[in-house]
Amino acid sequence: MSYISNNNLEEGFEKGDNEEEIRKYGIQQKGEKFKNKFFNIIVIFAFLFFFASIFLLYLVISLKKELKSANEAKINLKYKLKDFVNQLDEQKERIEYLNKIEKEFPFIKREKGDDITVIKNEMDEDMALYAIETAKEAYYYSKNEAGISDYIRTRFDNRYNKFWQCIVGHSFSSHIWNNPNEYIAFRMGQLKIVLFRDNEE
């Protein structure tokens, strides 16, 4: 049996231990080191997989939110387009009707004239224009002041919600407490028209 010298002994072995035992110990140590490295690699991959899963979950949640927002925007746009198309159809019908009336009764235009004089306006431009156009349209439907007033009030109730009030006459004074941005007074020919909303009704 051969023995190795004291200078070549590994740590933990003394003189007299045989080479076979030392070799087995070295193999065992290498195996332990390999196991430790393999375990460390598995732990690192596990952490990487965990953080990658968290990141992917975050991306999925963000994508779902974006899709939900896009669907809501699509639905809102759909309703706005539908409302816009309805307004265009309504405007088209009004124009066709007014053109028809004007052709059948040309004296009406000469009688009322197109001279509109705004006395006071607190409405936005679209609402004010709608008030004036509705007043013109009302005149075609009815020549009496009560009929014109009721027509304008009804159209505004339907379009801008209740409760609108309308005063029509040839000569009168008024002092009205109205809601902000919901008042207009103007003359259409000889008629004076005051339109405002009162939410307390």
C-alpha atoms as a PDB file:
ATOM      1  CA  MET A   1       0.000   0.000   0.000  1.00  0.00           C
ATOM      2  CA  SER A   2       1.410   3.370  -1.005  1.00  0.00           C
ATOM      3  CA  TYR A   3       1.344   6.431   1.165  1.00  0.00           C
ATOM      4  CA  ILE A   4       1.537  10.059   0.156  1.00  0.00           C
ATOM      5  CA  SER A   5       3.906  12.483   1.788  1.00  0.00           C
ATOM      6  CA  ASN A   6       2.889  15.021   4.397  1.00  0.00           C
ATOM      7  CA  ASN A   7       3.365  17.896   1.943  1.00  0.00           C
ATOM      8  CA  ASN A   8       0.674  16.522  -0.483  1.00  0.00           C
ATOM      9  CA  LEU A   9      -2.027  15.817   2.084  1.00  0.00           C
ATOM     10  CA  GLU A  10      -5.273  17.769   1.718  1.00  0.00           C
ATOM     11  CA  GLU A  11      -6.712  19.576   4.684  1.00  0.00           C
ATOM     12  CA  GLY A  12      -8.318  17.179   7.156  1.00  0.00           C
ATOM     13  CA  PHE A  13      -5.956  14.226   6.362  1.00  0.00           C
ATOM     14  CA  GLU A  14      -2.941  13.181   8.265  1.00  0.00           C
ATOM     15  CA  LYS A  15       0.078  11.140   7.329  1.00  0.00           C
ATOM     16  CA  GLY A  16      -0.780   7.537   6.916  1.00  0.00           C
ATOM     17  CA  ASP A  17      -4.117   7.984   5.096  1.00  0.00           C
ATOM     18  CA  ASN A  18      -4.077   6.167   1.809  1.00  0.00           C
ATOM     19  CA  GLU A  19      -4.515   7.725  -1.618  1.00  0.00           C
ATOM     20  CA  GLU A  20      -7.828   5.992  -2.273  1.00  0.00           C
ATOM     21  CA  GLU A  21      -9.446   7.646   0.709  1.00  0.00           C
ATOM     22  CA  ILE A  22      -8.130  11.021  -0.302  1.00  0.00           C
ATOM     23  CA  ARG A  23      -9.438  10.537  -3.867  1.00  0.00           C
ATOM     24  CA  LYS A  24     -12.877   9.577  -2.586  1.00  0.00           C
ATOM     25  CA  TYR A  25     -12.909  12.613  -0.320  1.00  0.00           C
ATOM     26  CA  GLY A  26     -11.969  14.871  -3.245  1.00  0.00           C
ATOM     27  CA  ILE A  27     -14.745  13.419  -5.373  1.00  0.00           C
ATOM     28  CA  GLN A  28     -17.190  13.906  -2.515  1.00  0.00           C
ATOM     29  CA  GLN A  29     -16.120  17.524  -2.087  1.00  0.00           C
ATOM     30  CA  LYS A  30     -16.497  18.202  -5.798  1.00  0.00           C
ATOM     31  CA  GLY A  31     -19.950  16.636  -5.706  1.00  0.00           C
ATOM     32  CA  GLU A  32     -20.959  18.873  -2.809  1.00  0.00           C
ATOM     33  CA  LYS A  33     -19.697  21.958  -4.634  1.00  0.00           C
ATOM     34  CA  PHE A  34     -21.590  20.950  -7.786  1.00  0.00           C
ATOM     35  CA  LYS A  35     -24.778  20.456  -5.764  1.00  0.00           C
ATOM     36  CA  ASN A  36     -24.373  23.881  -4.149  1.00  0.00           C
ATOM     37  CA  LYS A  37     -23.797  25.559  -7.512  1.00  0.00           C
ATOM     38  CA  PHE A  38     -26.762  23.736  -9.037  1.00  0.00           C
ATOM     39  CA  PHE A  39     -28.965  24.774  -6.104  1.00  0.00           C
ATOM     40  CA  ASN A  40     -27.853  28.407  -6.428  1.00  0.00           C
ATOM     41  CA  ILE A  41     -28.623  28.349 -10.153  1.00  0.00           C
ATOM     42  CA  ILE A  42     -32.113  26.944  -9.445  1.00  0.00           C
ATOM     43  CA  VAL A  43     -32.737  29.662  -6.829  1.00  0.00           C
ATOM     44  CA  ILE A  44     -31.630  32.385  -9.257  1.00  0.00           C
ATOM     45  CA  PHE A  45     -33.860  31.024 -12.014  1.00  0.00           C
ATOM     46  CA  ALA A  46     -36.753  30.782  -9.551  1.00  0.00           C
ATOM     47  CA  PHE A  47     -36.345  34.465  -8.615  1.00  0.00           C
ATOM     48  CA  LEU A  48     -36.075  35.436 -12.279  1.00  0.00           C
ATOM     49  CA  PHE A  49     -39.210  33.445 -13.106  1.00  0.00           C
ATOM     50  CA  PHE A  50     -41.057  35.069 -10.179  1.00  0.00           C
ATOM     51  CA  PHE A  51     -40.159  38.616 -11.217  1.00  0.00           C
ATOM     52  CA  ALA A  52     -40.888  37.835 -14.880  1.00  0.00           C
ATOM     53  CA  SER A  53     -44.318  36.520 -13.867  1.00  0.00           C
ATOM     54  CA  ILE A  54     -45.015  39.707 -11.861  1.00  0.00           C
ATOM     55  CA  PHE A  55     -43.962  41.843 -14.811  1.00  0.00           C
ATOM     56  CA  LEU A  56     -46.131  39.877 -17.261  1.00  0.00           C
ATOM     57  CA  LEU A  57     -49.083  40.112 -14.872  1.00  0.00           C
ATOM     58  CA  TYR A  58     -48.602  43.879 -14.700  1.00  0.00           C
ATOM     59  CA  LEU A  59     -48.514  44.074 -18.499  1.00  0.00           C
ATOM     60  CA  VAL A  60     -51.705  42.005 -18.788  1.00  0.00           C
ATOM     61  CA  ILE A  61     -53.540  44.192 -16.232  1.00  0.00           C
ATOM     62  CA  SER A  62     -52.359  47.373 -17.986  1.00  0.00           C
ATOM     63  CA  LEU A  63     -53.457  45.992 -21.352  1.00  0.00           C
ATOM     64  CA  LYS A  64     -56.899  45.137 -19.965  1.00  0.00           C
ATOM     65  CA  LYS A  65     -57.276  48.677 -18.614  1.00  0.00           C
ATOM     66  CA  GLU A  66     -56.257  50.148 -21.969  1.00  0.00           C
ATOM     67  CA  LEU A  67     -58.729  47.915 -23.798  1.00  0.00           C
ATOM     68  CA  LYS A  68     -61.495  48.873 -21.374  1.00  0.00           C
ATOM     69  CA  SER A  69     -60.758  52.579 -21.865  1.00  0.00           C
ATOM     70  CA  ALA A  70     -60.694  52.097 -25.641  1.00  0.00           C
ATOM     71  CA  ASN A  71     -64.069  50.313 -25.561  1.00  0.00           C
ATOM     72  CA  GLU A  72     -65.592  53.074 -23.410  1.00  0.00           C
ATOM     73  CA  ALA A  73     -64.249  55.724 -25.769  1.00  0.00           C
ATOM     74  CA  LYS A  74     -65.654  53.757 -28.717  1.00  0.00           C
ATOM     75  CA  ILE A  75     -69.094  53.553 -27.078  1.00  0.00           C
ATOM     76  CA  ASN A  76     -69.077  57.281 -26.230  1.00  0.00           C
ATOM     77  CA  LEU A  77     -68.053  58.140 -29.775  1.00  0.00           C
ATOM     78  CA  LYS A  78     -70.814  55.899 -31.111  1.00  0.00           C
ATOM     79  CA  TYR A  79     -73.465  57.715 -29.035  1.00  0.00           C
ATOM     80  CA  LYS A  80     -72.083  61.122 -29.996  1.00  0.00           C
ATOM     81  CA  LEU A  81     -72.142  60.202 -33.681  1.00  0.00           C
ATOM     82  CA  LYS A  82     -75.687  58.893 -33.331  1.00  0.00           C
ATOM     83  CA  ASP A  83     -76.787  62.126 -31.638  1.00  0.00           C
ATOM     84  CA  PHE A  84     -75.024  64.176 -34.310  1.00  0.00           C
ATOM     85  CA  VAL A  85     -76.724  62.224 -37.102  1.00  0.00           C
ATOM     86  CA  ASN A  86     -80.099  62.705 -35.393  1.00  0.00           C
ATOM     87  CA  GLN A  87     -79.487  66.455 -35.175  1.00  0.00           C
ATOM     88  CA  LEU A  88     -78.511  66.561 -38.837  1.00  0.00           C
ATOM     89  CA  ASP A  89     -81.672  64.676 -39.785  1.00  0.00           C
ATOM     90  CA  GLU A  90     -83.773  67.020 -37.668  1.00  0.00           C
ATOM     91  CA  GLN A  91     -82.119  70.073 -39.207  1.00  0.00           C
ATOM     92  CA  LYS A  92     -82.601  68.651 -42.698  1.00  0.00           C
ATOM     93  CA  GLU A  93     -86.317  68.085 -42.037  1.00  0.00           C
ATOM     94  CA  ARG A  94     -86.715  71.630 -40.708  1.00  0.00           C
ATOM     95  CA  ILE A  95     -84.956  73.138 -43.723  1.00  0.00           C
ATOM     96  CA  GLU A  96     -87.034  71.074 -46.154  1.00  0.00           C
ATOM     97  CA  TYR A  97     -90.238  72.072 -44.368  1.00  0.00           C
ATOM     98  CA  LEU A  98     -89.341  75.773 -44.293  1.00  0.00           C
ATOM     99  CA  ASN A  99     -88.398  75.739 -47.970  1.00  0.00           C
ATOM    100  CA  LYS A 100     -91.695  74.091 -48.779  1.00  0.00           C
ATOM    101  CA  ILE A 101     -93.678  76.651 -46.762  1.00  0.00           C
ATOM    102  CA  GLU A 102     -91.723  79.523 -48.277  1.00  0.00           C
ATOM    103  CA  LYS A 103     -92.533  78.331 -51.792  1.00  0.00           C
ATOM    104  CA  GLU A 104     -96.225  77.844 -51.004  1.00  0.00           C
ATOM    105  CA  PHE A 105     -96.603  81.090 -49.045  1.00  0.00           C
ATOM    106  CA  PRO A 106     -94.017  83.595 -50.321  1.00  0.00           C
ATOM    107  CA  PHE A 107     -95.875  86.503 -48.673  1.00  0.00           C
ATOM    108  CA  ILE A 108     -94.933  85.193 -45.213  1.00  0.00           C
ATOM    109  CA  LYS A 109     -91.275  86.014 -45.708  1.00  0.00           C
ATOM    110  CA  ARG A 110     -92.126  89.541 -46.826  1.00  0.00           C
ATOM    111  CA  GLU A 111     -94.502  89.948 -43.927  1.00  0.00           C
ATOM    112  CA  LYS A 112     -92.186  88.909 -41.103  1.00  0.00           C
ATOM    113  CA  GLY A 113     -88.899  89.749 -42.749  1.00  0.00           C
ATOM    114  CA  ASP A 114     -85.580  88.209 -41.759  1.00  0.00           C
ATOM    115  CA  ASP A 115     -84.504  91.167 -39.649  1.00  0.00           C
ATOM    116  CA  ILE A 116     -83.432  89.764 -36.306  1.00  0.00           C
ATOM    117  CA  THR A 117     -82.257  92.178 -33.635  1.00  0.00           C
ATOM    118  CA  VAL A 118     -80.732  90.646 -30.524  1.00  0.00           C
ATOM    119  CA  ILE A 119     -81.523  92.766 -27.469  1.00  0.00           C
ATOM    120  CA  LYS A 120     -79.669  90.714 -24.868  1.00  0.00           C
ATOM    121  CA  ASN A 121     -78.067  87.293 -25.067  1.00  0.00           C
ATOM    122  CA  GLU A 122     -76.524  85.141 -22.323  1.00  0.00           C
ATOM    123  CA  MET A 123     -76.655  81.854 -24.252  1.00  0.00           C
ATOM    124  CA  ASP A 124     -73.812  80.194 -26.097  1.00  0.00           C
ATOM    125  CA  GLU A 125     -73.766  80.631 -29.862  1.00  0.00           C
ATOM    126  CA  ASP A 126     -75.386  77.301 -30.781  1.00  0.00           C
ATOM    127  CA  MET A 127     -78.262  77.719 -28.329  1.00  0.00           C
ATOM    128  CA  ALA A 128     -78.877  81.323 -29.400  1.00  0.00           C
ATOM    129  CA  LEU A 129     -78.951  80.359 -33.089  1.00  0.00           C
ATOM    130  CA  TYR A 130     -81.327  77.510 -32.275  1.00  0.00           C
ATOM    131  CA  ALA A 131     -83.609  79.965 -30.447  1.00  0.00           C
ATOM    132  CA  ILE A 132     -83.715  82.303 -33.441  1.00  0.00           C
ATOM    133  CA  GLU A 133     -84.288  79.506 -35.957  1.00  0.00           C
ATOM    134  CA  THR A 134     -86.989  78.002 -33.760  1.00  0.00           C
ATOM    135  CA  ALA A 135     -88.703  81.388 -33.543  1.00  0.00           C
ATOM    136  CA  LYS A 136     -88.682  81.680 -37.347  1.00  0.00           C
ATOM    137  CA  GLU A 137     -90.071  78.184 -37.625  1.00  0.00           C
ATOM    138  CA  ALA A 138     -92.742  78.947 -34.995  1.00  0.00           C
ATOM    139  CA  TYR A 139     -93.915  81.903 -37.028  1.00  0.00           C
ATOM    140  CA  TYR A 140     -94.614  79.606 -39.975  1.00  0.00           C
ATOM    141  CA  TYR A 141     -96.673  77.313 -37.777  1.00  0.00           C
ATOM    142  CA  SER A 142     -98.674  79.988 -35.959  1.00  0.00           C
ATOM    143  CA  LYS A 143     -99.376  83.668 -36.475  1.00  0.00           C
ATOM    144  CA  ASN A 144    -100.644  84.319 -32.957  1.00  0.00           C
ATOM    145  CA  GLU A 145     -98.305  85.162 -30.105  1.00  0.00           C
ATOM    146  CA  ALA A 146     -99.495  82.391 -27.771  1.00  0.00           C
ATOM    147  CA  GLY A 147     -98.883  79.731 -30.427  1.00  0.00           C
ATOM    148  CA  ILE A 148     -95.390  81.041 -31.194  1.00  0.00           C
ATOM    149  CA  SER A 149     -94.520  81.174 -27.494  1.00  0.00           C
ATOM    150  CA  ASP A 150     -95.764  77.649 -26.828  1.00  0.00           C
ATOM    151  CA  TYR A 151     -93.935  76.253 -29.869  1.00  0.00           C
ATOM    152  CA  ILE A 152     -90.582  77.764 -28.863  1.00  0.00           C
ATOM    153  CA  ARG A 153     -90.970  76.659 -25.232  1.00  0.00           C
ATOM    154  CA  THR A 154     -91.854  73.082 -26.233  1.00  0.00           C
ATOM    155  CA  ARG A 155     -88.895  72.764 -28.616  1.00  0.00           C
ATOM    156  CA  PHE A 156     -86.486  73.994 -25.948  1.00  0.00           C
ATOM    157  CA  ASP A 157     -87.973  71.676 -23.301  1.00  0.00           C
ATOM    158  CA  ASN A 158     -87.436  68.742 -25.639  1.00  0.00           C
ATOM    159  CA  ARG A 159     -83.895  69.679 -26.611  1.00  0.00           C
ATOM    160  CA  TYR A 160     -82.427  71.281 -23.472  1.00  0.00           C
ATOM    161  CA  ASN A 161     -84.619  69.772 -20.732  1.00  0.00           C
ATOM    162  CA  LYS A 162     -87.250  71.614 -18.692  1.00  0.00           C
ATOM    163  CA  PHE A 163     -88.335  74.224 -17.575  1.00  0.00           C
ATOM    164  CA  TRP A 164     -88.208  76.926 -20.267  1.00  0.00           C
ATOM    165  CA  GLN A 165     -90.410  80.028 -20.348  1.00  0.00           C
ATOM    166  CA  CYS A 166     -91.132  82.112 -23.431  1.00  0.00           C
ATOM    167  CA  ILE A 167     -92.798  85.524 -23.710  1.00  0.00           C
ATOM    168  CA  VAL A 168     -93.866  86.846 -27.113  1.00  0.00           C
ATOM    169  CA  GLY A 169     -95.489  90.174 -27.875  1.00  0.00           C
ATOM    170  CA  HIS A 170     -95.281  93.374 -29.858  1.00  0.00           C
ATOM    171  CA  SER A 171     -94.563  95.726 -26.986  1.00  0.00           C
ATOM    172  CA  PHE A 172     -93.735  94.857 -23.392  1.00  0.00           C
ATOM    173  CA  SER A 173     -91.053  95.368 -20.783  1.00  0.00           C
ATOM    174  CA  SER A 174     -89.488  92.606 -18.710  1.00  0.00           C
ATOM    175  CA  HIS A 175     -87.183  92.154 -15.779  1.00  0.00           C
ATOM    176  CA  ILE A 176     -86.454  88.474 -15.193  1.00  0.00           C
ATOM    177  CA  TRP A 177     -84.269  86.535 -12.775  1.00  0.00           C
ATOM    178  CA  ASN A 178     -82.843  83.818 -14.968  1.00  0.00           C
ATOM    179  CA  ASN A 179     -80.281  81.060 -14.741  1.00  0.00           C
ATOM    180  CA  PRO A 180     -76.810  81.983 -15.991  1.00  0.00           C
ATOM    181  CA  ASN A 181     -76.263  81.381 -19.729  1.00  0.00           C
ATOM    182  CA  GLU A 182     -79.948  80.541 -20.277  1.00  0.00           C
ATOM    183  CA  TYR A 183     -81.527  83.830 -21.388  1.00  0.00           C
ATOM    184  CA  ILE A 184     -82.065  85.595 -24.687  1.00  0.00           C
ATOM    185  CA  ALA A 185     -84.209  88.514 -25.787  1.00  0.00           C
ATOM    186  CA  PHE A 186     -84.526  89.497 -29.442  1.00  0.00           C
ATOM    187  CA  ARG A 187     -86.841  91.066 -31.987  1.00  0.00           C
ATOM    188  CA  MET A 188     -88.085  89.235 -35.063  1.00  0.00           C
ATOM    189  CA  GLY A 189     -89.685  91.835 -37.250  1.00  0.00           C
ATOM    190  CA  GLN A 190     -92.283  93.531 -35.032  1.00  0.00           C
ATOM    191  CA  LEU A 191     -92.320  90.725 -32.453  1.00  0.00           C
ATOM    192  CA  LYS A 192     -90.302  90.793 -29.267  1.00  0.00           C
ATOM    193  CA  ILE A 193     -89.326  87.389 -27.882  1.00  0.00           C
ATOM    194  CA  VAL A 194     -87.874  86.627 -24.446  1.00  0.00           C
ATOM    195  CA  LEU A 195     -86.733  83.070 -23.721  1.00  0.00           C
ATOM    196  CA  PHE A 196     -85.276  81.836 -20.429  1.00  0.00           C
ATOM    197  CA  ARG A 197     -85.215  78.793 -18.180  1.00  0.00           C
ATOM    198  CA  ASP A 198     -86.557  78.536 -14.655  1.00  0.00           C
ATOM    199  CA  ASN A 199     -85.458  75.376 -12.800  1.00  0.00           C
ATOM    200  CA  GLU A 200     -87.696  76.135  -9.829  1.00  0.00           C
ATOM    201  CA  GLU A 201     -90.917  75.296 -11.630  1.00  0.00           C
END
